[in-house]
Amino acid sequence: MEKYFTAIFDLTKLPSLLCLVIAMSGTFFFYYPEYVIIVINKKSDIYIYGYIAYLISVPIVIISVIKYILKKISYIYSYYSAKKQIRETILTLNANEKKVLREFYLEPQFSLEMPFDDSTVLGLIDKKILYNTSPYSGAMFLNGNLSSFQIGKYARKFINPIIHLDCIPINATEKEKHDLLKNRPSWGRPLYIKD
């Protein structure tokens, strides 16, 4: 019963759309009769019941529109606050989190295999920086196997690898490159390093 009641105040559901049609047509019918082709006697039952339906529909439509606007405002606020939170998180990454995210730039791929039970990977998932893209991830979580992850769309746009992740700058010395490539997560795919 509750879902039918809430459907009345949802502009995407049929009951609310029906109330919208009644309210709009009733506005023309009762307040602008010169634009309506059908003429009904004001003392007839149809006119009285139509006016009652109109009076019930108008508040429902007003409440539905207010609810819709508040829902949109809430969505926009949560969207921008989530973006702000991701930006602040990227600016305060610790060394281990930088190592994990740097892997996406050392091996230029959108998706990488990482252990789900790694504490750093779990922390980046909680901070909404990494997302699991594996279709069968539920079974793999229990085994401790590798699972496929990628950086979130907004986080990828904001991250500058050289500034935020201490990636190899273009004019880096061989020693800096060597130190950076040796400083990788234990599960990272080994790259060829000259000793």
N, C-alpha and C. Protein backbone atom coordinates (compact mmCIF):
# COMPACT_ATOMS: atom_id res chain seq x y z
N MET A 1 0.82 -1.19 0.00
CA MET A 1 0.00 0.00 0.00
C MET A 1 0.87 1.25 0.00
N GLU A 2 2.01 1.15 0.71
CA GLU A 2 2.89 2.31 0.82
C GLU A 2 3.48 2.69 -0.53
N LYS A 3 3.83 1.68 -1.35
CA LYS A 3 4.42 2.01 -2.65
C LYS A 3 3.41 2.70 -3.56
N TYR A 4 2.13 2.36 -3.43
CA TYR A 4 1.11 3.06 -4.23
C TYR A 4 0.95 4.51 -3.77
N PHE A 5 1.07 4.71 -2.46
CA PHE A 5 0.95 6.07 -1.93
C PHE A 5 2.13 6.93 -2.37
N THR A 6 3.35 6.37 -2.33
CA THR A 6 4.52 7.14 -2.76
C THR A 6 4.53 7.36 -4.26
N ALA A 7 3.90 6.46 -5.02
CA ALA A 7 3.83 6.64 -6.48
C ALA A 7 2.99 7.85 -6.86
N ILE A 8 2.07 8.25 -5.99
CA ILE A 8 1.25 9.43 -6.28
C ILE A 8 2.11 10.68 -6.32
N PHE A 9 3.16 10.73 -5.50
CA PHE A 9 4.00 11.92 -5.41
C PHE A 9 5.30 11.81 -6.21
N ASP A 10 5.39 10.85 -7.11
CA ASP A 10 6.57 10.69 -7.95
C ASP A 10 6.20 11.04 -9.39
N LEU A 11 6.83 12.08 -9.93
CA LEU A 11 6.47 12.56 -11.27
C LEU A 11 6.77 11.57 -12.39
N THR A 12 7.54 10.54 -12.11
CA THR A 12 7.83 9.55 -13.14
C THR A 12 6.83 8.40 -13.15
N LYS A 13 5.93 8.35 -12.19
CA LYS A 13 4.95 7.26 -12.10
C LYS A 13 3.60 7.69 -12.67
N LEU A 14 2.82 6.70 -13.07
CA LEU A 14 1.54 6.94 -13.73
C LEU A 14 0.52 7.71 -12.88
N PRO A 15 0.32 7.39 -11.59
CA PRO A 15 -0.68 8.15 -10.82
C PRO A 15 -0.38 9.65 -10.77
N SER A 16 0.88 9.98 -10.60
CA SER A 16 1.25 11.40 -10.56
C SER A 16 1.07 12.06 -11.92
N LEU A 17 1.38 11.34 -12.98
CA LEU A 17 1.17 11.89 -14.33
C LEU A 17 -0.32 12.09 -14.61
N LEU A 18 -1.15 11.17 -14.12
CA LEU A 18 -2.60 11.32 -14.28
C LEU A 18 -3.09 12.57 -13.54
N CYS A 19 -2.58 12.77 -12.33
CA CYS A 19 -2.95 13.99 -11.58
C CYS A 19 -2.47 15.24 -12.31
N LEU A 20 -1.30 15.16 -12.94
CA LEU A 20 -0.79 16.30 -13.70
C LEU A 20 -1.70 16.63 -14.87
N VAL A 21 -2.16 15.60 -15.57
CA VAL A 21 -3.08 15.81 -16.70
C VAL A 21 -4.40 16.41 -16.21
N ILE A 22 -4.94 15.87 -15.11
CA ILE A 22 -6.20 16.40 -14.56
C ILE A 22 -6.02 17.86 -14.13
N ALA A 23 -4.90 18.17 -13.48
CA ALA A 23 -4.67 19.54 -13.01
C ALA A 23 -4.52 20.51 -14.18
N MET A 24 -3.77 20.10 -15.21
CA MET A 24 -3.57 21.01 -16.35
C MET A 24 -4.86 21.21 -17.14
N SER A 25 -5.53 20.09 -17.43
CA SER A 25 -6.78 20.23 -18.21
C SER A 25 -7.86 20.92 -17.38
N GLY A 26 -7.91 20.66 -16.07
CA GLY A 26 -8.89 21.32 -15.20
C GLY A 26 -8.66 22.81 -15.11
N THR A 27 -7.40 23.23 -15.14
CA THR A 27 -7.10 24.66 -15.12
C THR A 27 -7.71 25.36 -16.32
N PHE A 28 -7.54 24.77 -17.49
CA PHE A 28 -8.15 25.37 -18.69
C PHE A 28 -9.67 25.25 -18.65
N PHE A 29 -10.15 24.10 -18.21
CA PHE A 29 -11.59 23.83 -18.25
C PHE A 29 -12.37 24.73 -17.29
N PHE A 30 -11.81 24.93 -16.08
CA PHE A 30 -12.55 25.69 -15.07
C PHE A 30 -12.24 27.19 -15.06
N TYR A 31 -11.03 27.56 -15.46
CA TYR A 31 -10.65 28.97 -15.35
C TYR A 31 -10.50 29.69 -16.69
N TYR A 32 -10.37 28.95 -17.75
CA TYR A 32 -10.29 29.56 -19.09
C TYR A 32 -11.28 28.85 -20.03
N PRO A 33 -12.58 28.92 -19.77
CA PRO A 33 -13.56 28.16 -20.57
C PRO A 33 -13.64 28.63 -22.02
N GLU A 34 -13.16 29.83 -22.32
CA GLU A 34 -13.23 30.29 -23.71
C GLU A 34 -12.29 29.51 -24.62
N TYR A 35 -11.27 28.80 -24.04
CA TYR A 35 -10.36 28.00 -24.84
C TYR A 35 -10.80 26.54 -24.96
N VAL A 36 -11.88 26.17 -24.30
CA VAL A 36 -12.35 24.78 -24.30
C VAL A 36 -13.55 24.65 -25.23
N ILE A 37 -13.53 23.61 -26.05
CA ILE A 37 -14.61 23.38 -27.02
C ILE A 37 -15.86 22.84 -26.33
N ILE A 38 -15.67 21.93 -25.35
CA ILE A 38 -16.81 21.30 -24.68
C ILE A 38 -17.38 22.26 -23.63
N VAL A 39 -18.67 22.41 -23.63
CA VAL A 39 -19.34 23.26 -22.64
C VAL A 39 -20.23 22.37 -21.78
N ILE A 40 -20.01 22.46 -20.45
CA ILE A 40 -20.79 21.65 -19.51
C ILE A 40 -21.48 22.59 -18.54
N ASN A 41 -22.71 22.26 -18.23
CA ASN A 41 -23.49 23.06 -17.28
C ASN A 41 -22.81 23.02 -15.91
N LYS A 42 -22.67 24.18 -15.28
CA LYS A 42 -21.98 24.26 -14.00
C LYS A 42 -22.74 23.60 -12.87
N LYS A 43 -23.99 23.30 -13.05
CA LYS A 43 -24.78 22.65 -12.01
C LYS A 43 -24.85 21.13 -12.20
N SER A 44 -24.22 20.60 -13.24
CA SER A 44 -24.30 19.16 -13.50
C SER A 44 -23.32 18.41 -12.59
N ASP A 45 -23.58 17.08 -12.46
CA ASP A 45 -22.73 16.24 -11.62
C ASP A 45 -21.31 16.13 -12.19
N ILE A 46 -21.19 16.07 -13.50
CA ILE A 46 -19.87 15.95 -14.13
C ILE A 46 -19.00 17.14 -13.76
N TYR A 47 -19.58 18.32 -13.79
CA TYR A 47 -18.84 19.53 -13.46
C TYR A 47 -18.39 19.51 -11.99
N ILE A 48 -19.28 19.10 -11.10
CA ILE A 48 -18.96 19.08 -9.66
C ILE A 48 -17.88 18.04 -9.36
N TYR A 49 -18.03 16.81 -9.90
CA TYR A 49 -17.03 15.77 -9.66
C TYR A 49 -15.70 16.11 -10.33
N GLY A 50 -15.77 16.71 -11.49
CA GLY A 50 -14.54 17.15 -12.16
C GLY A 50 -13.80 18.19 -11.36
N TYR A 51 -14.55 19.11 -10.75
CA TYR A 51 -13.92 20.15 -9.95
C TYR A 51 -13.30 19.56 -8.67
N ILE A 52 -13.97 18.57 -8.09
CA ILE A 52 -13.41 17.89 -6.91
C ILE A 52 -12.11 17.17 -7.29
N ALA A 53 -12.11 16.47 -8.43
CA ALA A 53 -10.89 15.79 -8.90
C ALA A 53 -9.78 16.81 -9.16
N TYR A 54 -10.17 17.95 -9.70
CA TYR A 54 -9.19 19.02 -9.97
C TYR A 54 -8.60 19.54 -8.65
N LEU A 55 -9.44 19.77 -7.66
CA LEU A 55 -8.96 20.28 -6.37
C LEU A 55 -8.06 19.28 -5.65
N ILE A 56 -8.29 18.00 -5.87
CA ILE A 56 -7.42 16.97 -5.27
C ILE A 56 -6.11 16.87 -6.04
N SER A 57 -6.17 17.01 -7.36
CA SER A 57 -4.98 16.82 -8.20
C SER A 57 -3.97 17.95 -8.07
N VAL A 58 -4.44 19.18 -7.92
CA VAL A 58 -3.52 20.32 -7.89
C VAL A 58 -2.53 20.23 -6.72
N PRO A 59 -2.96 19.97 -5.48
CA PRO A 59 -1.95 19.85 -4.41
C PRO A 59 -1.00 18.68 -4.62
N ILE A 60 -1.51 17.58 -5.17
CA ILE A 60 -0.64 16.43 -5.44
C ILE A 60 0.44 16.82 -6.44
N VAL A 61 0.06 17.55 -7.48
CA VAL A 61 1.04 17.97 -8.48
C VAL A 61 2.04 18.95 -7.87
N ILE A 62 1.56 19.87 -7.05
CA ILE A 62 2.47 20.84 -6.42
C ILE A 62 3.47 20.13 -5.50
N ILE A 63 2.98 19.18 -4.71
CA ILE A 63 3.88 18.42 -3.83
C ILE A 63 4.86 17.60 -4.65
N SER A 64 4.39 17.00 -5.74
CA SER A 64 5.27 16.20 -6.59
C SER A 64 6.37 17.05 -7.21
N VAL A 65 6.02 18.24 -7.67
CA VAL A 65 7.02 19.13 -8.28
C VAL A 65 8.03 19.58 -7.23
N ILE A 66 7.57 19.93 -6.04
CA ILE A 66 8.49 20.34 -4.97
C ILE A 66 9.41 19.19 -4.60
N LYS A 67 8.85 17.99 -4.49
CA LYS A 67 9.65 16.81 -4.16
C LYS A 67 10.68 16.54 -5.25
N TYR A 68 10.30 16.68 -6.51
CA TYR A 68 11.21 16.46 -7.63
C TYR A 68 12.35 17.48 -7.60
N ILE A 69 12.03 18.75 -7.35
CA ILE A 69 13.06 19.79 -7.31
C ILE A 69 14.02 19.55 -6.14
N LEU A 70 13.49 19.19 -4.98
CA LEU A 70 14.35 18.91 -3.83
C LEU A 70 15.24 17.70 -4.07
N LYS A 71 14.71 16.70 -4.77
CA LYS A 71 15.50 15.51 -5.09
C LYS A 71 16.65 15.87 -6.03
N LYS A 72 16.38 16.73 -7.02
CA LYS A 72 17.43 17.16 -7.95
C LYS A 72 18.49 18.00 -7.23
N ILE A 73 18.05 18.88 -6.33
CA ILE A 73 19.00 19.70 -5.58
C ILE A 73 19.87 18.81 -4.70
N SER A 74 19.27 17.81 -4.07
CA SER A 74 20.02 16.88 -3.23
C SER A 74 21.03 16.10 -4.06
N TYR A 75 20.63 15.68 -5.26
CA TYR A 75 21.55 14.94 -6.14
C TYR A 75 22.73 15.83 -6.53
N ILE A 76 22.45 17.07 -6.93
CA ILE A 76 23.52 17.98 -7.34
C ILE A 76 24.47 18.25 -6.17
N TYR A 77 23.91 18.46 -4.98
CA TYR A 77 24.75 18.71 -3.81
C TYR A 77 25.63 17.50 -3.50
N SER A 78 25.06 16.30 -3.51
CA SER A 78 25.85 15.11 -3.21
C SER A 78 26.90 14.85 -4.29
N TYR A 79 26.57 15.17 -5.55
CA TYR A 79 27.53 15.00 -6.64
C TYR A 79 28.75 15.90 -6.44
N TYR A 80 28.51 17.18 -6.16
CA TYR A 80 29.62 18.10 -5.98
C TYR A 80 30.38 17.85 -4.69
N SER A 81 29.71 17.41 -3.65
CA SER A 81 30.43 17.10 -2.41
C SER A 81 31.28 15.84 -2.58
N ALA A 82 30.80 14.88 -3.38
CA ALA A 82 31.61 13.68 -3.66
C ALA A 82 32.84 14.05 -4.47
N LYS A 83 32.67 14.94 -5.46
CA LYS A 83 33.83 15.39 -6.25
C LYS A 83 34.84 16.11 -5.37
N LYS A 84 34.36 16.94 -4.47
CA LYS A 84 35.25 17.67 -3.57
C LYS A 84 35.99 16.70 -2.66
N GLN A 85 35.28 15.69 -2.17
CA GLN A 85 35.90 14.71 -1.29
C GLN A 85 36.99 13.92 -2.03
N ILE A 86 36.73 13.56 -3.29
CA ILE A 86 37.73 12.84 -4.07
C ILE A 86 38.96 13.72 -4.29
N ARG A 87 38.75 15.00 -4.61
CA ARG A 87 39.87 15.92 -4.79
C ARG A 87 40.72 16.01 -3.53
N GLU A 88 40.07 16.18 -2.38
CA GLU A 88 40.80 16.28 -1.12
C GLU A 88 41.54 14.98 -0.81
N THR A 89 40.94 13.85 -1.13
CA THR A 89 41.58 12.56 -0.90
C THR A 89 42.83 12.42 -1.75
N ILE A 90 42.74 12.83 -3.01
CA ILE A 90 43.90 12.71 -3.91
C ILE A 90 45.05 13.59 -3.42
N LEU A 91 44.72 14.74 -2.87
CA LEU A 91 45.77 15.64 -2.38
C LEU A 91 46.43 15.13 -1.11
N THR A 92 45.79 14.20 -0.41
CA THR A 92 46.34 13.69 0.86
C THR A 92 46.65 12.20 0.81
N LEU A 93 47.04 11.69 -0.34
CA LEU A 93 47.38 10.27 -0.46
C LEU A 93 48.66 9.96 0.32
N ASN A 94 48.69 8.79 0.96
CA ASN A 94 49.93 8.39 1.61
C ASN A 94 50.81 7.64 0.61
N ALA A 95 52.01 7.26 1.04
CA ALA A 95 53.00 6.66 0.13
C ALA A 95 52.50 5.34 -0.47
N ASN A 96 51.84 4.50 0.33
CA ASN A 96 51.36 3.22 -0.18
C ASN A 96 50.25 3.40 -1.21
N GLU A 97 49.35 4.36 -0.97
CA GLU A 97 48.28 4.63 -1.93
C GLU A 97 48.85 5.16 -3.23
N LYS A 98 49.88 5.99 -3.14
CA LYS A 98 50.53 6.49 -4.36
C LYS A 98 51.14 5.35 -5.15
N LYS A 99 51.76 4.38 -4.44
CA LYS A 99 52.35 3.22 -5.13
C LYS A 99 51.30 2.47 -5.94
N VAL A 100 50.14 2.23 -5.31
CA VAL A 100 49.09 1.47 -5.99
C VAL A 100 48.58 2.22 -7.21
N LEU A 101 48.29 3.50 -7.05
CA LEU A 101 47.77 4.28 -8.18
C LEU A 101 48.82 4.50 -9.26
N ARG A 102 50.09 4.54 -8.87
CA ARG A 102 51.16 4.73 -9.84
C ARG A 102 51.23 3.55 -10.82
N GLU A 103 50.79 2.38 -10.38
CA GLU A 103 50.81 1.20 -11.25
C GLU A 103 50.00 1.43 -12.53
N PHE A 104 48.92 2.20 -12.43
CA PHE A 104 48.10 2.47 -13.61
C PHE A 104 48.84 3.32 -14.63
N TYR A 105 49.84 4.06 -14.19
CA TYR A 105 50.58 4.92 -15.10
C TYR A 105 51.89 4.29 -15.55
N LEU A 106 52.45 3.38 -14.73
CA LEU A 106 53.64 2.65 -15.15
C LEU A 106 53.29 1.64 -16.24
N GLU A 107 52.16 0.99 -16.08
CA GLU A 107 51.62 0.11 -17.12
C GLU A 107 50.37 0.80 -17.63
N PRO A 108 50.47 1.60 -18.67
CA PRO A 108 49.34 2.46 -19.06
C PRO A 108 48.11 1.66 -19.47
N GLN A 109 47.31 1.30 -18.49
CA GLN A 109 46.07 0.56 -18.73
C GLN A 109 44.97 1.18 -17.88
N PHE A 110 43.74 1.01 -18.33
CA PHE A 110 42.62 1.50 -17.54
C PHE A 110 42.24 0.53 -16.44
N SER A 111 42.57 -0.74 -16.61
CA SER A 111 42.19 -1.75 -15.64
C SER A 111 43.40 -2.61 -15.31
N LEU A 112 43.61 -2.88 -14.02
CA LEU A 112 44.73 -3.71 -13.58
C LEU A 112 44.25 -4.78 -12.61
N GLU A 113 44.99 -5.88 -12.58
CA GLU A 113 44.71 -6.96 -11.64
C GLU A 113 45.43 -6.65 -10.32
N MET A 114 44.66 -6.63 -9.24
CA MET A 114 45.22 -6.37 -7.91
C MET A 114 44.57 -7.30 -6.91
N PRO A 115 45.26 -7.59 -5.80
CA PRO A 115 44.63 -8.41 -4.76
C PRO A 115 43.58 -7.60 -4.01
N PHE A 116 42.40 -8.16 -3.90
CA PHE A 116 41.31 -7.45 -3.23
C PHE A 116 41.56 -7.34 -1.73
N ASP A 117 42.27 -8.29 -1.17
CA ASP A 117 42.46 -8.28 0.29
C ASP A 117 43.63 -7.40 0.73
N ASP A 118 44.27 -6.70 -0.18
CA ASP A 118 45.34 -5.77 0.17
C ASP A 118 44.72 -4.56 0.88
N SER A 119 45.29 -4.19 2.02
CA SER A 119 44.70 -3.11 2.83
C SER A 119 44.71 -1.77 2.10
N THR A 120 45.73 -1.51 1.30
CA THR A 120 45.79 -0.24 0.56
C THR A 120 44.71 -0.19 -0.51
N VAL A 121 44.51 -1.29 -1.21
CA VAL A 121 43.47 -1.36 -2.25
C VAL A 121 42.10 -1.17 -1.60
N LEU A 122 41.88 -1.83 -0.47
CA LEU A 122 40.60 -1.66 0.24
C LEU A 122 40.39 -0.21 0.68
N GLY A 123 41.45 0.44 1.13
CA GLY A 123 41.35 1.84 1.52
C GLY A 123 40.99 2.73 0.36
N LEU A 124 41.58 2.47 -0.82
CA LEU A 124 41.26 3.27 -2.01
C LEU A 124 39.84 3.01 -2.50
N ILE A 125 39.33 1.81 -2.28
CA ILE A 125 37.93 1.52 -2.63
C ILE A 125 37.01 2.30 -1.70
N ASP A 126 37.32 2.29 -0.41
CA ASP A 126 36.50 3.04 0.56
C ASP A 126 36.50 4.54 0.28
N LYS A 127 37.62 5.04 -0.23
CA LYS A 127 37.73 6.47 -0.54
C LYS A 127 37.16 6.80 -1.92
N LYS A 128 36.60 5.81 -2.58
CA LYS A 128 35.96 5.97 -3.89
C LYS A 128 36.93 6.41 -4.99
N ILE A 129 38.19 5.96 -4.87
CA ILE A 129 39.19 6.23 -5.90
C ILE A 129 39.26 5.04 -6.86
N LEU A 130 39.24 3.83 -6.31
CA LEU A 130 39.28 2.61 -7.13
C LEU A 130 37.90 1.95 -7.16
N TYR A 131 37.62 1.29 -8.28
CA TYR A 131 36.38 0.53 -8.44
C TYR A 131 36.71 -0.85 -8.97
N ASN A 132 35.98 -1.83 -8.48
CA ASN A 132 36.15 -3.20 -8.95
C ASN A 132 35.40 -3.37 -10.26
N THR A 133 36.08 -3.87 -11.29
CA THR A 133 35.44 -4.04 -12.60
C THR A 133 35.28 -5.50 -12.97
N SER A 134 35.65 -6.40 -12.09
CA SER A 134 35.55 -7.82 -12.40
C SER A 134 34.10 -8.29 -12.32
N PRO A 135 33.60 -8.98 -13.36
CA PRO A 135 32.20 -9.42 -13.32
C PRO A 135 31.94 -10.53 -12.31
N TYR A 136 32.97 -11.29 -11.95
CA TYR A 136 32.81 -12.39 -11.01
C TYR A 136 33.56 -12.10 -9.72
N SER A 137 33.51 -10.86 -9.27
CA SER A 137 34.34 -10.44 -8.14
C SER A 137 33.93 -11.11 -6.83
N GLY A 138 32.67 -11.44 -6.64
CA GLY A 138 32.22 -12.02 -5.39
C GLY A 138 32.92 -13.31 -5.04
N ALA A 139 33.12 -14.19 -6.02
CA ALA A 139 33.79 -15.46 -5.78
C ALA A 139 35.28 -15.25 -5.52
N MET A 140 35.86 -14.25 -6.17
CA MET A 140 37.29 -14.03 -6.03
C MET A 140 37.65 -13.39 -4.70
N PHE A 141 36.73 -12.65 -4.11
CA PHE A 141 37.03 -12.00 -2.84
C PHE A 141 37.35 -13.05 -1.78
N LEU A 142 36.63 -14.14 -1.80
CA LEU A 142 36.80 -15.15 -0.77
C LEU A 142 38.10 -15.92 -0.94
N ASN A 143 38.55 -16.08 -2.18
CA ASN A 143 39.76 -16.84 -2.45
C ASN A 143 41.02 -16.04 -2.21
N GLY A 144 40.93 -14.72 -2.21
CA GLY A 144 42.12 -13.89 -2.08
C GLY A 144 42.84 -13.74 -3.40
N ASN A 145 42.23 -14.15 -4.49
CA ASN A 145 42.85 -14.02 -5.80
C ASN A 145 42.86 -12.57 -6.25
N LEU A 146 43.46 -12.37 -7.40
CA LEU A 146 43.48 -11.03 -7.98
C LEU A 146 42.12 -10.70 -8.57
N SER A 147 41.80 -9.44 -8.53
CA SER A 147 40.56 -8.96 -9.12
C SER A 147 40.89 -7.72 -9.94
N SER A 148 40.04 -7.41 -10.88
CA SER A 148 40.31 -6.30 -11.79
C SER A 148 39.77 -4.99 -11.21
N PHE A 149 40.61 -3.96 -11.22
CA PHE A 149 40.24 -2.65 -10.68
C PHE A 149 40.58 -1.56 -11.68
N GLN A 150 39.89 -0.45 -11.54
CA GLN A 150 40.24 0.73 -12.33
C GLN A 150 40.03 1.98 -11.48
N ILE A 151 40.70 3.06 -11.89
CA ILE A 151 40.54 4.33 -11.20
C ILE A 151 39.21 4.92 -11.64
N GLY A 152 38.47 5.49 -10.69
CA GLY A 152 37.19 6.12 -11.01
C GLY A 152 37.34 7.24 -12.03
N LYS A 153 36.27 7.50 -12.76
CA LYS A 153 36.32 8.45 -13.87
C LYS A 153 36.74 9.85 -13.41
N TYR A 154 36.14 10.34 -12.35
CA TYR A 154 36.48 11.69 -11.92
C TYR A 154 37.88 11.74 -11.31
N ALA A 155 38.25 10.72 -10.55
CA ALA A 155 39.58 10.69 -9.95
C ALA A 155 40.65 10.67 -11.04
N ARG A 156 40.40 9.92 -12.12
CA ARG A 156 41.37 9.86 -13.22
C ARG A 156 41.53 11.23 -13.88
N LYS A 157 40.43 11.98 -13.99
CA LYS A 157 40.52 13.32 -14.58
C LYS A 157 41.34 14.26 -13.71
N PHE A 158 41.22 14.11 -12.40
CA PHE A 158 41.87 15.05 -11.49
C PHE A 158 43.33 14.70 -11.22
N ILE A 159 43.69 13.43 -11.29
CA ILE A 159 45.05 13.02 -10.93
C ILE A 159 46.04 13.48 -11.99
N ASN A 160 47.06 14.17 -11.53
CA ASN A 160 48.23 14.48 -12.36
C ASN A 160 49.33 13.55 -11.86
N PRO A 161 49.75 12.56 -12.66
CA PRO A 161 50.67 11.53 -12.15
C PRO A 161 51.98 12.09 -11.60
N ILE A 162 52.51 13.12 -12.22
CA ILE A 162 53.79 13.66 -11.76
C ILE A 162 53.62 14.40 -10.44
N ILE A 163 52.53 15.16 -10.30
CA ILE A 163 52.33 15.96 -9.09
C ILE A 163 51.77 15.12 -7.94
N HIS A 164 50.71 14.37 -8.19
CA HIS A 164 50.01 13.67 -7.11
C HIS A 164 50.59 12.30 -6.78
N LEU A 165 51.22 11.63 -7.75
CA LEU A 165 51.68 10.26 -7.53
C LEU A 165 53.19 10.12 -7.56
N ASP A 166 53.90 11.22 -7.70
CA ASP A 166 55.37 11.21 -7.77
C ASP A 166 55.86 10.30 -8.89
N CYS A 167 55.20 10.33 -10.05
CA CYS A 167 55.64 9.52 -11.18
C CYS A 167 56.91 10.12 -11.78
N ILE A 168 57.48 9.37 -12.70
CA ILE A 168 58.76 9.77 -13.29
C ILE A 168 58.57 10.99 -14.17
N PRO A 169 59.18 12.12 -13.83
CA PRO A 169 59.10 13.27 -14.74
C PRO A 169 59.95 13.03 -15.98
N ILE A 170 59.71 13.80 -17.01
CA ILE A 170 60.41 13.60 -18.28
C ILE A 170 61.91 13.80 -18.12
N ASN A 171 62.33 14.76 -17.32
CA ASN A 171 63.76 15.07 -17.18
C ASN A 171 64.38 14.38 -15.96
N ALA A 172 63.85 13.24 -15.55
CA ALA A 172 64.37 12.54 -14.37
C ALA A 172 65.70 11.87 -14.69
N THR A 173 66.53 11.75 -13.67
CA THR A 173 67.81 11.06 -13.84
C THR A 173 67.57 9.56 -13.80
N GLU A 174 68.58 8.81 -14.21
CA GLU A 174 68.46 7.34 -14.20
C GLU A 174 68.28 6.81 -12.78
N LYS A 175 68.93 7.44 -11.82
CA LYS A 175 68.80 7.00 -10.43
C LYS A 175 67.36 7.21 -9.94
N GLU A 176 66.76 8.35 -10.27
CA GLU A 176 65.37 8.61 -9.86
C GLU A 176 64.42 7.60 -10.49
N LYS A 177 64.64 7.29 -11.77
CA LYS A 177 63.80 6.29 -12.45
C LYS A 177 63.97 4.93 -11.78
N HIS A 178 65.23 4.57 -11.51
CA HIS A 178 65.52 3.27 -10.91
C HIS A 178 64.87 3.16 -9.52
N ASP A 179 65.00 4.20 -8.70
CA ASP A 179 64.42 4.18 -7.35
C ASP A 179 62.89 4.08 -7.40
N LEU A 180 62.31 4.79 -8.34
CA LEU A 180 60.85 4.77 -8.45
C LEU A 180 60.34 3.40 -8.90
N LEU A 181 61.04 2.79 -9.86
CA LEU A 181 60.61 1.47 -10.35
C LEU A 181 60.83 0.38 -9.31
N LYS A 182 61.80 0.56 -8.43
CA LYS A 182 62.01 -0.42 -7.36
C LYS A 182 60.99 -0.25 -6.23
N ASN A 183 60.43 0.94 -6.12
CA ASN A 183 59.48 1.24 -5.05
C ASN A 183 58.06 0.98 -5.54
N ARG A 184 57.74 -0.31 -5.73
CA ARG A 184 56.42 -0.71 -6.23
C ARG A 184 55.77 -1.66 -5.24
N PRO A 185 54.46 -1.84 -5.34
CA PRO A 185 53.80 -2.79 -4.43
C PRO A 185 54.33 -4.20 -4.65
N SER A 186 54.23 -5.02 -3.63
CA SER A 186 54.76 -6.39 -3.70
C SER A 186 54.06 -7.21 -4.77
N TRP A 187 52.81 -6.91 -5.08
CA TRP A 187 52.05 -7.67 -6.07
C TRP A 187 52.20 -7.09 -7.48
N GLY A 188 52.91 -5.97 -7.63
CA GLY A 188 53.05 -5.33 -8.95
C GLY A 188 53.85 -6.20 -9.90
N ARG A 189 53.53 -6.13 -11.19
CA ARG A 189 54.25 -6.90 -12.19
C ARG A 189 55.66 -6.34 -12.30
N PRO A 190 56.70 -7.16 -12.13
CA PRO A 190 58.05 -6.61 -12.15
C PRO A 190 58.41 -6.08 -13.54
N LEU A 191 58.99 -4.90 -13.56
CA LEU A 191 59.51 -4.32 -14.79
C LEU A 191 61.01 -4.54 -14.82
N TYR A 192 61.58 -4.54 -16.01
CA TYR A 192 63.02 -4.77 -16.14
C TYR A 192 63.77 -3.57 -15.57
N ILE A 193 64.63 -3.83 -14.59
CA ILE A 193 65.42 -2.77 -13.97
C ILE A 193 66.89 -3.17 -14.05
N LYS A 194 67.71 -2.26 -14.54
CA LYS A 194 69.15 -2.50 -14.57
C LYS A 194 69.72 -2.17 -13.20
N ASP A 195 70.51 -3.10 -12.65
CA ASP A 195 71.16 -2.84 -11.35
C ASP A 195 72.55 -2.31 -11.55
